[in-house]
Amino acid sequence: YSVAPPGSLTEDACVCRGADDGQAGFYRAERVLDSVVQIVCEACPSPGGRCENQTVLAEPGYFMVGPVQPLACSHKINQNSVCQGNSLFNQGDSQCLEGHSGFL
């Protein structure tokens, strides 16, 4: 699930594989096991999530309600979702078409 350049010496050099070939990809996460923080690659949430650059982005038609939690957007205008996708959780209302806000 991860790749690193040849000769890498630290886990920071490892990156989780992003979306490719129609696969959702993986994102970088921290897990605490026996009081030790470990970096792991978690499967991208599906449906609705796409992983790029170690993070989870919402796909068009989905709204990020948590850092790794996309939910389907039910509100549409002319058969098109008002949730634009390609957004992170911390981007708030910029996930929506102009004139719309929050999870719909």
C-alpha atoms as a PDB file:
ATOM      1  CA  TYR A   1       0.000   0.000   0.000  1.00  0.00           C
ATOM      2  CA  SER A   2       2.983   2.282   0.358  1.00  0.00           C
ATOM      3  CA  VAL A   3       5.915   3.185  -1.805  1.00  0.00           C
ATOM      4  CA  ALA A   4       9.266   4.796  -1.031  1.00  0.00           C
ATOM      5  CA  PRO A   5      12.209   5.833  -3.164  1.00  0.00           C
ATOM      6  CA  PRO A   6      15.056   3.281  -3.263  1.00  0.00           C
ATOM      7  CA  GLY A   7      17.463   3.735  -0.355  1.00  0.00           C
ATOM      8  CA  SER A   8      14.923   5.427   1.931  1.00  0.00           C
ATOM      9  CA  LEU A   9      15.936   5.251   5.567  1.00  0.00           C
ATOM     10  CA  THR A  10      12.897   6.576   7.440  1.00  0.00           C
ATOM     11  CA  GLU A  11       9.186   5.834   7.491  1.00  0.00           C
ATOM     12  CA  ASP A  12       8.578   9.501   6.599  1.00  0.00           C
ATOM     13  CA  ALA A  13       9.923   8.662   3.139  1.00  0.00           C
ATOM     14  CA  CYS A  14       7.092   6.161   2.657  1.00  0.00           C
ATOM     15  CA  VAL A  15       3.959   7.460   1.010  1.00  0.00           C
ATOM     16  CA  CYS A  16       0.612   5.756   0.636  1.00  0.00           C
ATOM     17  CA  ARG A  17      -0.410   4.896  -2.892  1.00  0.00           C
ATOM     18  CA  GLY A  18      -2.963   7.328  -4.227  1.00  0.00           C
ATOM     19  CA  ALA A  19      -5.790   6.671  -6.644  1.00  0.00           C
ATOM     20  CA  ASP A  20      -4.758   4.992  -9.868  1.00  0.00           C
ATOM     21  CA  ASP A  21      -6.191   2.592 -12.421  1.00  0.00           C
ATOM     22  CA  GLY A  22      -9.718   3.155 -11.129  1.00  0.00           C
ATOM     23  CA  GLN A  23      -8.756   2.270  -7.548  1.00  0.00           C
ATOM     24  CA  ALA A  24      -9.638   4.630  -4.688  1.00  0.00           C
ATOM     25  CA  GLY A  25      -6.135   4.454  -3.175  1.00  0.00           C
ATOM     26  CA  PHE A  26      -4.929   4.872   0.398  1.00  0.00           C
ATOM     27  CA  TYR A  27      -4.352   7.702   2.882  1.00  0.00           C
ATOM     28  CA  ARG A  28      -1.767   8.169   5.639  1.00  0.00           C
ATOM     29  CA  ALA A  29      -3.086   7.641   9.173  1.00  0.00           C
ATOM     30  CA  GLU A  30      -1.636   7.439  12.666  1.00  0.00           C
ATOM     31  CA  ARG A  31      -2.609   4.521  14.883  1.00  0.00           C
ATOM     32  CA  VAL A  32      -1.580   4.008  18.499  1.00  0.00           C
ATOM     33  CA  LEU A  33      -0.770   0.392  19.319  1.00  0.00           C
ATOM     34  CA  ASP A  34       0.646  -0.464  22.759  1.00  0.00           C
ATOM     35  CA  SER A  35       1.397   3.247  23.374  1.00  0.00           C
ATOM     36  CA  VAL A  36       3.434   3.471  20.161  1.00  0.00           C
ATOM     37  CA  VAL A  37       2.321   5.722  17.310  1.00  0.00           C
ATOM     38  CA  GLN A  38       2.516   3.924  13.991  1.00  0.00           C
ATOM     39  CA  ILE A  39       2.021   5.369  10.528  1.00  0.00           C
ATOM     40  CA  VAL A  40      -0.212   3.170   8.388  1.00  0.00           C
ATOM     41  CA  CYS A  41      -1.865   3.329   5.000  1.00  0.00           C
ATOM     42  CA  GLU A  42      -5.642   2.986   5.293  1.00  0.00           C
ATOM     43  CA  ALA A  43      -7.943   2.169   2.387  1.00  0.00           C
ATOM     44  CA  CYS A  44      -9.712   5.213   1.032  1.00  0.00           C
ATOM     45  CA  PRO A  45     -13.367   5.354   2.136  1.00  0.00           C
ATOM     46  CA  SER A  46     -15.726   4.198  -0.550  1.00  0.00           C
ATOM     47  CA  PRO A  47     -18.039   5.233  -1.982  1.00  0.00           C
ATOM     48  CA  GLY A  48     -17.399   8.950  -2.093  1.00  0.00           C
ATOM     49  CA  GLY A  49     -13.716   9.204  -1.257  1.00  0.00           C
ATOM     50  CA  ARG A  50     -10.644   9.523  -3.441  1.00  0.00           C
ATOM     51  CA  CYS A  51      -7.141   9.587  -1.969  1.00  0.00           C
ATOM     52  CA  GLU A  52      -4.439  11.950  -3.194  1.00  0.00           C
ATOM     53  CA  ASN A  53      -1.317  13.326  -1.535  1.00  0.00           C
ATOM     54  CA  GLN A  54      -1.867  11.240   1.624  1.00  0.00           C
ATOM     55  CA  THR A  55      -5.368  12.673   2.260  1.00  0.00           C
ATOM     56  CA  VAL A  56      -9.026  11.928   1.485  1.00  0.00           C
ATOM     57  CA  LEU A  57     -10.921  14.126  -0.980  1.00  0.00           C
ATOM     58  CA  ALA A  58     -14.646  14.015  -1.649  1.00  0.00           C
ATOM     59  CA  GLU A  59     -15.714  12.826  -5.077  1.00  0.00           C
ATOM     60  CA  PRO A  60     -18.268  14.955  -6.954  1.00  0.00           C
ATOM     61  CA  GLY A  61     -21.673  14.459  -5.336  1.00  0.00           C
ATOM     62  CA  TYR A  62     -20.186  13.939  -1.856  1.00  0.00           C
ATOM     63  CA  PHE A  63     -19.495  16.253   1.100  1.00  0.00           C
ATOM     64  CA  MET A  64     -16.719  15.683   3.660  1.00  0.00           C
ATOM     65  CA  VAL A  65     -18.268  15.609   7.161  1.00  0.00           C
ATOM     66  CA  GLY A  66     -15.037  14.424   8.808  1.00  0.00           C
ATOM     67  CA  PRO A  67     -11.369  14.151   7.818  1.00  0.00           C
ATOM     68  CA  VAL A  68     -11.971  10.711   6.263  1.00  0.00           C
ATOM     69  CA  GLN A  69     -15.777  10.636   6.080  1.00  0.00           C
ATOM     70  CA  PRO A  70     -17.506  11.481   2.773  1.00  0.00           C
ATOM     71  CA  LEU A  71     -21.311  11.363   2.709  1.00  0.00           C
ATOM     72  CA  ALA A  72     -23.576  11.479  -0.319  1.00  0.00           C
ATOM     73  CA  CYS A  73     -25.131  14.859  -1.076  1.00  0.00           C
ATOM     74  CA  SER A  74     -28.816  14.536  -1.893  1.00  0.00           C
ATOM     75  CA  HIS A  75     -29.545  18.112  -3.005  1.00  0.00           C
ATOM     76  CA  LYS A  76     -29.469  18.634  -6.774  1.00  0.00           C
ATOM     77  CA  ILE A  77     -30.100  21.444  -9.210  1.00  0.00           C
ATOM     78  CA  ASN A  78     -30.953  20.435 -12.796  1.00  0.00           C
ATOM     79  CA  GLN A  79     -29.907  16.833 -12.034  1.00  0.00           C
ATOM     80  CA  ASN A  80     -26.459  18.003 -10.794  1.00  0.00           C
ATOM     81  CA  SER A  81     -25.311  17.748  -7.185  1.00  0.00           C
ATOM     82  CA  VAL A  82     -24.551  21.005  -5.385  1.00  0.00           C
ATOM     83  CA  CYS A  83     -21.585  19.197  -3.756  1.00  0.00           C
ATOM     84  CA  GLN A  84     -18.655  19.820  -6.062  1.00  0.00           C
ATOM     85  CA  GLY A  85     -16.198  17.216  -4.788  1.00  0.00           C
ATOM     86  CA  ASN A  86     -12.396  17.467  -4.975  1.00  0.00           C
ATOM     87  CA  SER A  87     -12.435  18.958  -1.488  1.00  0.00           C
ATOM     88  CA  LEU A  88     -11.030  18.281   1.966  1.00  0.00           C
ATOM     89  CA  PHE A  89     -13.003  18.261   5.220  1.00  0.00           C
ATOM     90  CA  ASN A  90     -11.481  21.542   6.405  1.00  0.00           C
ATOM     91  CA  GLN A  91     -12.623  23.379   3.272  1.00  0.00           C
ATOM     92  CA  GLY A  92     -16.138  23.805   4.725  1.00  0.00           C
ATOM     93  CA  ASP A  93     -18.668  25.534   2.524  1.00  0.00           C
ATOM     94  CA  SER A  94     -16.274  25.781  -0.426  1.00  0.00           C
ATOM     95  CA  GLN A  95     -17.312  22.159  -1.039  1.00  0.00           C
ATOM     96  CA  CYS A  96     -20.684  23.506  -2.242  1.00  0.00           C
ATOM     97  CA  LEU A  97     -21.825  25.439  -5.265  1.00  0.00           C
ATOM     98  CA  GLU A  98     -22.127  29.177  -4.696  1.00  0.00           C
ATOM     99  CA  GLY A  99     -25.245  30.017  -2.699  1.00  0.00           C
ATOM    100  CA  HIS A 100     -25.215  26.716  -0.767  1.00  0.00           C
ATOM    101  CA  SER A 101     -23.602  25.788   2.538  1.00  0.00           C
ATOM    102  CA  GLY A 102     -23.101  22.926   4.933  1.00  0.00           C
ATOM    103  CA  PHE A 103     -23.990  19.284   4.541  1.00  0.00           C
ATOM    104  CA  LEU A 104     -27.032  18.913   2.311  1.00  0.00           C
END
